[in-house]
Amino acid sequence: MTPFTFHSDGLALEGTLRVPDGPAQETGWPTVVLTGPLSGVKEQVVGLYAEKLTAAGFATLAFDHRNFGASEGEPRQHENSAGKLADLRDAVSALAIHPAVDENRIGAVGICLGGGYALRFAAFDPRIKAVACIAGGYNDPAAMRAAMGADAYRAQLLQAAGTAAEQYSTGRIDYLAAVSDDEDVPAVMAGPEPFAYYGTERSKADTWVNRLTALTVRELITVDLAIGADFLGPTPLLVVHGTTDAYCSPEGAQTVFERAKGPAQILWLDTTNHIDLYDGPKYVEPAVERTVEFLMSSM
C-alpha cells in the first residue's frame, strides 16, 4: 500500500495504490480504479473494497476526488460532477504508465454515487475493460423531475441559481451538513441511515468533513449518470444492488441493467438498507466475490 499522487486539471489528487502480494507479473497486474459515495474519502468505503479486491489479485487505486480529503480543489467539499469524471480519466492515464499495472486490463468499480460515475465514465472511455457498480446511484434528471414534480424541480433550480448568484457577488460559500440525524439541521443526506455510517466510528477518517456545499444539490439533480448505460457498448457491466434501498433505488439499478447495450449481469442481495453494502460483511463479501469473478472473466 503506497501513496499515489496524480494530477487532473492542474490539481494534485491523492490516492492509495495497493498491489497484490507475490512476484510482479511480467505485463503488470490487472487493475481497478475505484470511486465511491457522495462526500466519501479514500479511507472509507472505497478503501475497504480496494483492500478486498487487492487480496483477490488486483492492483487497486482508491483516491480522493478533487475538493475532498487530501486532494486539492476549491471550494472544499463541493461535488463537481464534470470534475469527478475528469479525475477518473486522469487516474486511468496515471495508472496506465505505472510499471505495476497492465494498461490493457484496467477496470472500474463504483459504490453508491460512485456506481453512477463509474458507469458514465466507462461508457465514454474504452480503456475501461469492465465496470462493476455496487449499490449504485444512477442519477437521471428526467427521473428526478418526475419524482419531485416539475414545479418543485424548477423551484430547486431557482433556489440554486440564487445561491450561485450570491456566491458570485459575495465570494462566500454556503454549506450544509453532509449528514444529520437531527431534523432541525438541514443536511444533503438527511436521516438516521446515512448518519449511522458517517456520524459514527464506522466511517472514521481524519480527512472526512461533515459538510457539503449548498450547490452540491444542484450537481446531484442535474447530472445524468444513468445515460452511461446507453453508451456502454461492448464494455461488460455488473450491477450489484440491494433489494431494500431507500437512497439509491432498486428500480434505478434495474433500469440501468435493462438499458445496457452490451453484456450485463445483475446480482440482487437481500439487504435491509443502503449502507449494508458500505461495510456489512454479510453483504460486502458476496458483492466482492461476484465482482472478482466478473472482472477476472471480463478483463
C-alpha atoms as a PDB file:
ATOM      1  CA  MET A   1       0.000   0.000   0.000  1.00  0.00           C
ATOM      2  CA  THR A   2       1.731   3.150  -1.221  1.00  0.00           C
ATOM      3  CA  PRO A   3       0.730   6.793  -1.702  1.00  0.00           C
ATOM      4  CA  PHE A   4      -0.188   7.604  -5.288  1.00  0.00           C
ATOM      5  CA  THR A   5      -0.344  11.226  -6.421  1.00  0.00           C
ATOM      6  CA  PHE A   6      -1.562  12.255  -9.856  1.00  0.00           C
ATOM      7  CA  HIS A   7      -2.850  15.468 -11.405  1.00  0.00           C
ATOM      8  CA  SER A   8      -6.127  16.432 -13.019  1.00  0.00           C
ATOM      9  CA  ASP A   9      -6.809  19.890 -14.401  1.00  0.00           C
ATOM     10  CA  GLY A  10      -3.727  21.095 -12.541  1.00  0.00           C
ATOM     11  CA  LEU A  11      -4.906  19.749  -9.175  1.00  0.00           C
ATOM     12  CA  ALA A  12      -2.871  17.256  -7.159  1.00  0.00           C
ATOM     13  CA  LEU A  13      -5.087  14.306  -6.242  1.00  0.00           C
ATOM     14  CA  GLU A  14      -4.044  11.907  -3.516  1.00  0.00           C
ATOM     15  CA  GLY A  15      -4.672   8.187  -3.612  1.00  0.00           C
ATOM     16  CA  THR A  16      -3.528   4.839  -2.296  1.00  0.00           C
ATOM     17  CA  LEU A  17      -2.165   2.224  -4.666  1.00  0.00           C
ATOM     18  CA  ARG A  18      -2.420  -1.360  -3.474  1.00  0.00           C
ATOM     19  CA  VAL A  19      -0.578  -4.161  -5.274  1.00  0.00           C
ATOM     20  CA  PRO A  20      -1.102  -7.896  -4.615  1.00  0.00           C
ATOM     21  CA  ASP A  21       1.484  -9.868  -2.687  1.00  0.00           C
ATOM     22  CA  GLY A  22       3.765 -12.093  -4.690  1.00  0.00           C
ATOM     23  CA  PRO A  23       6.093 -11.716  -7.653  1.00  0.00           C
ATOM     24  CA  ALA A  24       5.213  -8.985 -10.126  1.00  0.00           C
ATOM     25  CA  GLN A  25       3.548 -10.131 -13.305  1.00  0.00           C
ATOM     26  CA  GLU A  26       5.546  -9.563 -16.481  1.00  0.00           C
ATOM     27  CA  THR A  27       2.858  -7.407 -18.061  1.00  0.00           C
ATOM     28  CA  GLY A  28       1.647  -5.876 -14.803  1.00  0.00           C
ATOM     29  CA  TRP A  29      -1.380  -6.606 -12.652  1.00  0.00           C
ATOM     30  CA  PRO A  30      -4.999  -6.331 -13.729  1.00  0.00           C
ATOM     31  CA  THR A  31      -6.027  -3.069 -12.124  1.00  0.00           C
ATOM     32  CA  VAL A  32      -9.162  -1.409 -10.767  1.00  0.00           C
ATOM     33  CA  VAL A  33      -9.824   2.286 -10.194  1.00  0.00           C
ATOM     34  CA  LEU A  34     -12.483   2.928  -7.551  1.00  0.00           C
ATOM     35  CA  THR A  35     -14.905   5.778  -6.929  1.00  0.00           C
ATOM     36  CA  GLY A  36     -17.309   5.953  -4.041  1.00  0.00           C
ATOM     37  CA  PRO A  37     -20.123   7.624  -2.151  1.00  0.00           C
ATOM     38  CA  LEU A  38     -21.013  11.305  -2.028  1.00  0.00           C
ATOM     39  CA  SER A  39     -18.667  13.099   0.414  1.00  0.00           C
ATOM     40  CA  GLY A  40     -16.573   9.936   0.880  1.00  0.00           C
ATOM     41  CA  VAL A  41     -12.792   9.759   1.179  1.00  0.00           C
ATOM     42  CA  LYS A  42     -10.329   7.015   0.299  1.00  0.00           C
ATOM     43  CA  GLU A  43     -10.086   5.629   3.836  1.00  0.00           C
ATOM     44  CA  GLN A  44     -13.803   4.782   3.928  1.00  0.00           C
ATOM     45  CA  VAL A  45     -15.908   2.629   1.593  1.00  0.00           C
ATOM     46  CA  VAL A  46     -13.558   2.636  -1.414  1.00  0.00           C
ATOM     47  CA  GLY A  47     -10.638   1.720   0.844  1.00  0.00           C
ATOM     48  CA  LEU A  48     -12.459  -1.333   2.154  1.00  0.00           C
ATOM     49  CA  TYR A  49     -13.369  -2.560  -1.327  1.00  0.00           C
ATOM     50  CA  ALA A  50      -9.866  -1.807  -2.638  1.00  0.00           C
ATOM     51  CA  GLU A  51      -8.310  -3.879   0.135  1.00  0.00           C
ATOM     52  CA  LYS A  52     -10.515  -6.861  -0.657  1.00  0.00           C
ATOM     53  CA  LEU A  53     -10.010  -6.617  -4.420  1.00  0.00           C
ATOM     54  CA  THR A  54      -6.244  -6.424  -3.973  1.00  0.00           C
ATOM     55  CA  ALA A  55      -6.334  -9.551  -1.806  1.00  0.00           C
ATOM     56  CA  ALA A  56      -8.102 -11.245  -4.722  1.00  0.00           C
ATOM     57  CA  GLY A  57      -5.336 -10.386  -7.193  1.00  0.00           C
ATOM     58  CA  PHE A  58      -5.955  -6.856  -8.491  1.00  0.00           C
ATOM     59  CA  ALA A  59      -3.890  -3.745  -8.167  1.00  0.00           C
ATOM     60  CA  THR A  60      -6.275  -1.042  -6.972  1.00  0.00           C
ATOM     61  CA  LEU A  61      -6.388   2.729  -6.747  1.00  0.00           C
ATOM     62  CA  ALA A  62      -8.649   4.385  -4.182  1.00  0.00           C
ATOM     63  CA  PHE A  63      -8.288   8.161  -4.258  1.00  0.00           C
ATOM     64  CA  ASP A  64      -9.826  11.387  -3.016  1.00  0.00           C
ATOM     65  CA  HIS A  65     -11.685  13.262  -5.724  1.00  0.00           C
ATOM     66  CA  ARG A  66     -10.977  16.959  -6.151  1.00  0.00           C
ATOM     67  CA  ASN A  67     -12.289  19.150  -3.317  1.00  0.00           C
ATOM     68  CA  PHE A  68     -12.325  16.249  -0.860  1.00  0.00           C
ATOM     69  CA  GLY A  69      -9.996  14.578   1.604  1.00  0.00           C
ATOM     70  CA  ALA A  70      -6.275  15.053   0.974  1.00  0.00           C
ATOM     71  CA  SER A  71      -6.722  16.183  -2.622  1.00  0.00           C
ATOM     72  CA  GLU A  72      -6.579  19.761  -3.836  1.00  0.00           C
ATOM     73  CA  GLY A  73      -9.531  21.705  -5.191  1.00  0.00           C
ATOM     74  CA  GLU A  74     -11.898  24.506  -4.252  1.00  0.00           C
ATOM     75  CA  PRO A  75     -14.495  25.016  -2.969  1.00  0.00           C
ATOM     76  CA  ARG A  76     -13.864  22.353  -0.361  1.00  0.00           C
ATOM     77  CA  GLN A  77     -16.490  19.628  -0.019  1.00  0.00           C
ATOM     78  CA  HIS A  78     -18.132  20.602  -3.306  1.00  0.00           C
ATOM     79  CA  GLU A  79     -19.484  17.891  -5.592  1.00  0.00           C
ATOM     80  CA  ASN A  80     -18.168  18.682  -9.074  1.00  0.00           C
ATOM     81  CA  SER A  81     -19.663  16.130 -11.428  1.00  0.00           C
ATOM     82  CA  ALA A  82     -17.663  17.101 -14.532  1.00  0.00           C
ATOM     83  CA  GLY A  83     -14.548  17.304 -12.379  1.00  0.00           C
ATOM     84  CA  LYS A  84     -15.061  13.832 -10.948  1.00  0.00           C
ATOM     85  CA  LEU A  85     -15.273  12.358 -14.447  1.00  0.00           C
ATOM     86  CA  ALA A  86     -12.050  14.177 -15.332  1.00  0.00           C
ATOM     87  CA  ASP A  87     -10.454  12.803 -12.156  1.00  0.00           C
ATOM     88  CA  LEU A  88     -11.289   9.266 -13.261  1.00  0.00           C
ATOM     89  CA  ARG A  89      -9.938   9.912 -16.751  1.00  0.00           C
ATOM     90  CA  ASP A  90      -6.616  11.136 -15.395  1.00  0.00           C
ATOM     91  CA  ALA A  91      -6.440   8.425 -12.746  1.00  0.00           C
ATOM     92  CA  VAL A  92      -6.538   5.844 -15.529  1.00  0.00           C
ATOM     93  CA  SER A  93      -3.892   7.743 -17.509  1.00  0.00           C
ATOM     94  CA  ALA A  94      -1.626   7.767 -14.468  1.00  0.00           C
ATOM     95  CA  LEU A  95      -2.222   4.085 -13.767  1.00  0.00           C
ATOM     96  CA  ALA A  96      -1.562   3.101 -17.393  1.00  0.00           C
ATOM     97  CA  ILE A  97       2.072   4.247 -17.187  1.00  0.00           C
ATOM     98  CA  HIS A  98       2.769   2.677 -13.789  1.00  0.00           C
ATOM     99  CA  PRO A  99       5.066  -0.370 -14.002  1.00  0.00           C
ATOM    100  CA  ALA A 100       2.854  -2.477 -11.707  1.00  0.00           C
ATOM    101  CA  VAL A 101      -0.188  -2.016 -13.952  1.00  0.00           C
ATOM    102  CA  ASP A 102      -1.261  -3.867 -17.080  1.00  0.00           C
ATOM    103  CA  GLU A 103      -2.590  -0.954 -19.124  1.00  0.00           C
ATOM    104  CA  ASN A 104      -4.677  -3.344 -21.204  1.00  0.00           C
ATOM    105  CA  ARG A 105      -6.546  -4.691 -18.170  1.00  0.00           C
ATOM    106  CA  ILE A 106      -7.978  -1.728 -16.290  1.00  0.00           C
ATOM    107  CA  GLY A 107     -11.489  -1.834 -14.876  1.00  0.00           C
ATOM    108  CA  ALA A 108     -13.652   0.490 -12.804  1.00  0.00           C
ATOM    109  CA  VAL A 109     -15.640  -0.211  -9.649  1.00  0.00           C
ATOM    110  CA  GLY A 110     -18.040   2.321  -8.157  1.00  0.00           C
ATOM    111  CA  ILE A 111     -20.011   2.173  -4.942  1.00  0.00           C
ATOM    112  CA  CYS A 112     -23.091   4.296  -4.165  1.00  0.00           C
ATOM    113  CA  LEU A 113     -22.921   7.524  -6.194  1.00  0.00           C
ATOM    114  CA  GLY A 114     -19.591   6.239  -7.466  1.00  0.00           C
ATOM    115  CA  GLY A 115     -21.512   3.471  -9.204  1.00  0.00           C
ATOM    116  CA  GLY A 116     -23.186   6.067 -11.382  1.00  0.00           C
ATOM    117  CA  TYR A 117     -19.913   7.862 -12.043  1.00  0.00           C
ATOM    118  CA  ALA A 118     -18.134   4.615 -12.897  1.00  0.00           C
ATOM    119  CA  LEU A 119     -20.911   3.747 -15.343  1.00  0.00           C
ATOM    120  CA  ARG A 120     -20.859   7.164 -17.038  1.00  0.00           C
ATOM    121  CA  PHE A 121     -17.058   7.230 -17.166  1.00  0.00           C
ATOM    122  CA  ALA A 122     -16.692   3.715 -18.565  1.00  0.00           C
ATOM    123  CA  ALA A 123     -19.266   4.439 -21.263  1.00  0.00           C
ATOM    124  CA  PHE A 124     -17.097   7.127 -22.814  1.00  0.00           C
ATOM    125  CA  ASP A 125     -13.610   5.750 -22.125  1.00  0.00           C
ATOM    126  CA  PRO A 126     -12.893   2.497 -23.998  1.00  0.00           C
ATOM    127  CA  ARG A 127      -9.728   1.964 -21.944  1.00  0.00           C
ATOM    128  CA  ILE A 128     -12.027   0.585 -19.245  1.00  0.00           C
ATOM    129  CA  LYS A 129     -12.427  -3.111 -19.976  1.00  0.00           C
ATOM    130  CA  ALA A 130     -15.201  -3.813 -17.449  1.00  0.00           C
ATOM    131  CA  VAL A 131     -17.244  -1.854 -14.921  1.00  0.00           C
ATOM    132  CA  ALA A 132     -18.930  -3.005 -11.715  1.00  0.00           C
ATOM    133  CA  CYS A 133     -21.473  -0.788  -9.966  1.00  0.00           C
ATOM    134  CA  ILE A 134     -22.366  -1.628  -6.354  1.00  0.00           C
ATOM    135  CA  ALA A 135     -25.388  -0.054  -4.617  1.00  0.00           C
ATOM    136  CA  GLY A 136     -25.177   2.494  -7.408  1.00  0.00           C
ATOM    137  CA  GLY A 137     -26.810   5.888  -7.512  1.00  0.00           C
ATOM    138  CA  TYR A 138     -27.775   6.324 -11.158  1.00  0.00           C
ATOM    139  CA  ASN A 139     -28.795   9.971 -11.210  1.00  0.00           C
ATOM    140  CA  ASP A 140     -31.173  10.866 -14.018  1.00  0.00           C
ATOM    141  CA  PRO A 141     -32.556  14.424 -14.196  1.00  0.00           C
ATOM    142  CA  ALA A 142     -35.711  13.315 -16.026  1.00  0.00           C
ATOM    143  CA  ALA A 143     -36.452  10.702 -13.379  1.00  0.00           C
ATOM    144  CA  MET A 144     -35.761  13.186 -10.585  1.00  0.00           C
ATOM    145  CA  ARG A 145     -38.063  15.784 -12.112  1.00  0.00           C
ATOM    146  CA  ALA A 146     -40.790  13.185 -12.467  1.00  0.00           C
ATOM    147  CA  ALA A 147     -40.377  12.103  -8.848  1.00  0.00           C
ATOM    148  CA  MET A 148     -40.222  15.648  -7.454  1.00  0.00           C
ATOM    149  CA  GLY A 149     -42.823  17.166  -9.761  1.00  0.00           C
ATOM    150  CA  ALA A 150     -41.940  19.696 -12.440  1.00  0.00           C
ATOM    151  CA  ASP A 151     -42.763  22.722 -10.291  1.00  0.00           C
ATOM    152  CA  ALA A 152     -40.729  21.531  -7.306  1.00  0.00           C
ATOM    153  CA  TYR A 153     -37.816  20.619  -9.554  1.00  0.00           C
ATOM    154  CA  ARG A 154     -37.897  24.069 -11.155  1.00  0.00           C
ATOM    155  CA  ALA A 155     -38.082  25.697  -7.736  1.00  0.00           C
ATOM    156  CA  GLN A 156     -34.990  23.768  -6.649  1.00  0.00           C
ATOM    157  CA  LEU A 157     -33.119  25.034  -9.705  1.00  0.00           C
ATOM    158  CA  LEU A 158     -34.243  28.593  -8.998  1.00  0.00           C
ATOM    159  CA  GLN A 159     -33.036  28.338  -5.404  1.00  0.00           C
ATOM    160  CA  ALA A 160     -29.671  27.038  -6.608  1.00  0.00           C
ATOM    161  CA  ALA A 161     -29.389  29.866  -9.114  1.00  0.00           C
ATOM    162  CA  GLY A 162     -29.956  32.349  -6.302  1.00  0.00           C
ATOM    163  CA  THR A 163     -27.281  30.679  -4.200  1.00  0.00           C
ATOM    164  CA  ALA A 164     -24.841  30.796  -7.114  1.00  0.00           C
ATOM    165  CA  ALA A 165     -25.593  34.477  -7.740  1.00  0.00           C
ATOM    166  CA  GLU A 166     -24.999  35.345  -4.095  1.00  0.00           C
ATOM    167  CA  GLN A 167     -21.797  33.323  -4.069  1.00  0.00           C
ATOM    168  CA  TYR A 168     -20.620  35.208  -7.150  1.00  0.00           C
ATOM    169  CA  SER A 169     -21.298  38.614  -5.633  1.00  0.00           C
ATOM    170  CA  THR A 170     -20.018  37.949  -2.110  1.00  0.00           C
ATOM    171  CA  GLY A 171     -17.440  35.193  -2.561  1.00  0.00           C
ATOM    172  CA  ARG A 172     -18.987  33.360   0.379  1.00  0.00           C
ATOM    173  CA  ILE A 173     -19.573  29.612   0.031  1.00  0.00           C
ATOM    174  CA  ASP A 174     -22.773  28.312   1.615  1.00  0.00           C
ATOM    175  CA  TYR A 175     -22.602  24.896   3.249  1.00  0.00           C
ATOM    176  CA  LEU A 176     -24.987  22.269   4.567  1.00  0.00           C
ATOM    177  CA  ALA A 177     -24.192  19.335   6.795  1.00  0.00           C
ATOM    178  CA  ALA A 178     -23.398  16.211   4.809  1.00  0.00           C
ATOM    179  CA  VAL A 179     -25.362  14.068   7.303  1.00  0.00           C
ATOM    180  CA  SER A 180     -27.553  14.767  10.308  1.00  0.00           C
ATOM    181  CA  ASP A 181     -29.921  12.761  12.455  1.00  0.00           C
ATOM    182  CA  ASP A 182     -31.493  15.981  13.753  1.00  0.00           C
ATOM    183  CA  GLU A 183     -34.479  17.046  11.655  1.00  0.00           C
ATOM    184  CA  ASP A 184     -33.792  20.659  12.602  1.00  0.00           C
ATOM    185  CA  VAL A 185     -30.320  20.562  10.989  1.00  0.00           C
ATOM    186  CA  PRO A 186     -30.500  20.702   7.175  1.00  0.00           C
ATOM    187  CA  ALA A 187     -28.321  18.067   5.530  1.00  0.00           C
ATOM    188  CA  VAL A 188     -27.703  16.886   1.992  1.00  0.00           C
ATOM    189  CA  MET A 189     -28.031  13.286   3.207  1.00  0.00           C
ATOM    190  CA  ALA A 190     -30.631  13.632   5.929  1.00  0.00           C
ATOM    191  CA  GLY A 191     -31.930  10.910   8.208  1.00  0.00           C
ATOM    192  CA  PRO A 192     -30.670   8.220  10.563  1.00  0.00           C
ATOM    193  CA  GLU A 193     -29.360   5.812   7.920  1.00  0.00           C
ATOM    194  CA  PRO A 194     -26.502   7.920   6.426  1.00  0.00           C
ATOM    195  CA  PHE A 195     -25.746   9.165   9.942  1.00  0.00           C
ATOM    196  CA  ALA A 196     -25.378   5.564  11.135  1.00  0.00           C
ATOM    197  CA  TYR A 197     -22.333   5.322   8.892  1.00  0.00           C
ATOM    198  CA  TYR A 198     -20.865   8.812   8.594  1.00  0.00           C
ATOM    199  CA  GLY A 199     -21.853  10.011  12.047  1.00  0.00           C
ATOM    200  CA  THR A 200     -20.243   7.098  13.888  1.00  0.00           C
ATOM    201  CA  GLU A 201     -16.917   5.307  14.252  1.00  0.00           C
ATOM    202  CA  ARG A 202     -17.842   3.098  11.276  1.00  0.00           C
ATOM    203  CA  SER A 203     -16.558   5.769   8.901  1.00  0.00           C
ATOM    204  CA  LYS A 204     -13.697   7.197  10.956  1.00  0.00           C
ATOM    205  CA  ALA A 205     -11.283   9.079   8.702  1.00  0.00           C
ATOM    206  CA  ASP A 206      -9.239  12.106   9.670  1.00  0.00           C
ATOM    207  CA  THR A 207      -9.855  13.891   6.361  1.00  0.00           C
ATOM    208  CA  TRP A 208     -13.630  13.421   6.181  1.00  0.00           C
ATOM    209  CA  VAL A 209     -15.625  16.593   6.903  1.00  0.00           C
ATOM    210  CA  ASN A 210     -19.342  16.649   7.712  1.00  0.00           C
ATOM    211  CA  ARG A 211     -20.378  19.285   5.252  1.00  0.00           C
ATOM    212  CA  LEU A 212     -21.142  19.771   1.564  1.00  0.00           C
ATOM    213  CA  THR A 213     -21.647  22.948  -0.400  1.00  0.00           C
ATOM    214  CA  ALA A 214     -25.241  24.027  -0.856  1.00  0.00           C
ATOM    215  CA  LEU A 215     -24.607  23.939  -4.611  1.00  0.00           C
ATOM    216  CA  THR A 216     -23.805  20.233  -4.370  1.00  0.00           C
ATOM    217  CA  VAL A 217     -27.573  19.720  -4.502  1.00  0.00           C
ATOM    218  CA  ARG A 218     -27.721  21.303  -7.955  1.00  0.00           C
ATOM    219  CA  GLU A 219     -24.995  18.960  -9.145  1.00  0.00           C
ATOM    220  CA  LEU A 220     -26.929  15.964  -7.876  1.00  0.00           C
ATOM    221  CA  ILE A 221     -30.226  16.843  -9.529  1.00  0.00           C
ATOM    222  CA  THR A 222     -28.775  17.881 -12.891  1.00  0.00           C
ATOM    223  CA  VAL A 223     -26.037  15.332 -13.631  1.00  0.00           C
ATOM    224  CA  ASP A 224     -27.085  12.427 -15.845  1.00  0.00           C
ATOM    225  CA  LEU A 225     -25.146   9.335 -14.845  1.00  0.00           C
ATOM    226  CA  ALA A 226     -27.701   6.750 -15.968  1.00  0.00           C
ATOM    227  CA  ILE A 227     -27.097   7.750 -19.594  1.00  0.00           C
ATOM    228  CA  GLY A 228     -23.876   5.792 -19.398  1.00  0.00           C
ATOM    229  CA  ALA A 229     -25.882   2.599 -19.862  1.00  0.00           C
ATOM    230  CA  ASP A 230     -26.918   3.762 -23.326  1.00  0.00           C
ATOM    231  CA  PHE A 231     -23.329   4.242 -24.461  1.00  0.00           C
ATOM    232  CA  LEU A 232     -21.519   1.411 -22.699  1.00  0.00           C
ATOM    233  CA  GLY A 233     -21.489  -0.638 -25.901  1.00  0.00           C
ATOM    234  CA  PRO A 234     -19.378  -3.786 -25.697  1.00  0.00           C
ATOM    235  CA  THR A 235     -17.933  -2.982 -22.253  1.00  0.00           C
ATOM    236  CA  PRO A 236     -19.214  -5.610 -19.787  1.00  0.00           C
ATOM    237  CA  LEU A 237     -21.320  -4.333 -16.877  1.00  0.00           C
ATOM    238  CA  LEU A 238     -22.028  -5.835 -13.482  1.00  0.00           C
ATOM    239  CA  VAL A 239     -24.760  -4.303 -11.331  1.00  0.00           C
ATOM    240  CA  VAL A 240     -24.858  -5.335  -7.651  1.00  0.00           C
ATOM    241  CA  HIS A 241     -27.731  -3.881  -5.670  1.00  0.00           C
ATOM    242  CA  GLY A 242     -29.724  -4.381  -2.522  1.00  0.00           C
ATOM    243  CA  THR A 243     -33.384  -5.299  -2.628  1.00  0.00           C
ATOM    244  CA  THR A 244     -34.072  -2.723   0.109  1.00  0.00           C
ATOM    245  CA  ASP A 245     -32.510   0.680  -0.548  1.00  0.00           C
ATOM    246  CA  ALA A 246     -34.194   3.984   0.226  1.00  0.00           C
ATOM    247  CA  TYR A 247     -31.316   6.126  -1.070  1.00  0.00           C
ATOM    248  CA  CYS A 248     -30.264   4.528  -4.363  1.00  0.00           C
ATOM    249  CA  SER A 249     -33.367   2.882  -5.719  1.00  0.00           C
ATOM    250  CA  PRO A 250     -33.502  -0.748  -6.816  1.00  0.00           C
ATOM    251  CA  GLU A 251     -35.705   0.447  -9.688  1.00  0.00           C
ATOM    252  CA  GLY A 252     -32.864   2.650 -10.906  1.00  0.00           C
ATOM    253  CA  ALA A 253     -30.456  -0.283 -10.816  1.00  0.00           C
ATOM    254  CA  GLN A 254     -32.867  -2.489 -12.756  1.00  0.00           C
ATOM    255  CA  THR A 255     -33.397   0.248 -15.341  1.00  0.00           C
ATOM    256  CA  VAL A 256     -29.669   0.690 -15.903  1.00  0.00           C
ATOM    257  CA  PHE A 257     -29.236  -3.066 -16.280  1.00  0.00           C
ATOM    258  CA  GLU A 258     -32.015  -3.184 -18.868  1.00  0.00           C
ATOM    259  CA  ARG A 259     -30.692  -0.133 -20.742  1.00  0.00           C
ATOM    260  CA  ALA A 260     -27.179  -1.544 -21.078  1.00  0.00           C
ATOM    261  CA  LYS A 261     -26.460  -2.210 -24.729  1.00  0.00           C
ATOM    262  CA  GLY A 262     -23.702  -4.757 -24.178  1.00  0.00           C
ATOM    263  CA  PRO A 263     -23.108  -7.777 -21.923  1.00  0.00           C
ATOM    264  CA  ALA A 264     -24.612  -7.147 -18.495  1.00  0.00           C
ATOM    265  CA  GLN A 265     -25.139  -9.075 -15.278  1.00  0.00           C
ATOM    266  CA  ILE A 266     -27.109  -8.198 -12.179  1.00  0.00           C
ATOM    267  CA  LEU A 267     -26.855  -9.552  -8.639  1.00  0.00           C
ATOM    268  CA  TRP A 268     -29.521  -8.807  -6.056  1.00  0.00           C
ATOM    269  CA  LEU A 269     -28.644  -9.028  -2.372  1.00  0.00           C
ATOM    270  CA  ASP A 270     -31.289  -9.184   0.327  1.00  0.00           C
ATOM    271  CA  THR A 271     -30.235  -6.004   2.150  1.00  0.00           C
ATOM    272  CA  THR A 272     -32.011  -4.190   4.950  1.00  0.00           C
ATOM    273  CA  ASN A 273     -30.826  -0.718   3.883  1.00  0.00           C
ATOM    274  CA  HIS A 274     -28.452   1.164   1.576  1.00  0.00           C
ATOM    275  CA  ILE A 275     -25.402   1.256   3.832  1.00  0.00           C
ATOM    276  CA  ASP A 276     -25.364  -2.526   4.293  1.00  0.00           C
ATOM    277  CA  LEU A 277     -23.188  -2.555   1.183  1.00  0.00           C
ATOM    278  CA  TYR A 278     -20.777   0.003   2.645  1.00  0.00           C
ATOM    279  CA  ASP A 279     -19.210  -2.199   5.286  1.00  0.00           C
ATOM    280  CA  GLY A 280     -21.529  -5.040   6.326  1.00  0.00           C
ATOM    281  CA  PRO A 281     -19.605  -8.320   5.864  1.00  0.00           C
ATOM    282  CA  LYS A 282     -22.828 -10.230   5.164  1.00  0.00           C
ATOM    283  CA  TYR A 283     -23.337  -8.095   2.061  1.00  0.00           C
ATOM    284  CA  VAL A 284     -19.868  -6.830   1.133  1.00  0.00           C
ATOM    285  CA  GLU A 285     -18.386 -10.329   0.917  1.00  0.00           C
ATOM    286  CA  PRO A 286     -20.793 -11.663  -1.737  1.00  0.00           C
ATOM    287  CA  ALA A 287     -20.605  -8.347  -3.594  1.00  0.00           C
ATOM    288  CA  VAL A 288     -16.813  -8.601  -3.743  1.00  0.00           C
ATOM    289  CA  GLU A 289     -16.864 -12.294  -4.637  1.00  0.00           C
ATOM    290  CA  ARG A 290     -19.141 -11.677  -7.612  1.00  0.00           C
ATOM    291  CA  THR A 291     -17.172  -8.602  -8.645  1.00  0.00           C
ATOM    292  CA  VAL A 292     -13.917 -10.570  -8.629  1.00  0.00           C
ATOM    293  CA  GLU A 293     -15.430 -13.340 -10.750  1.00  0.00           C
ATOM    294  CA  PHE A 294     -16.831 -10.765 -13.160  1.00  0.00           C
ATOM    295  CA  LEU A 295     -13.628  -8.771 -13.532  1.00  0.00           C
ATOM    296  CA  MET A 296     -11.424 -11.860 -13.884  1.00  0.00           C
ATOM    297  CA  SER A 297     -13.581 -13.150 -16.721  1.00  0.00           C
ATOM    298  CA  SER A 298     -14.089  -9.798 -18.434  1.00  0.00           C
ATOM    299  CA  MET A 299     -10.710  -8.069 -18.384  1.00  0.00           C
END
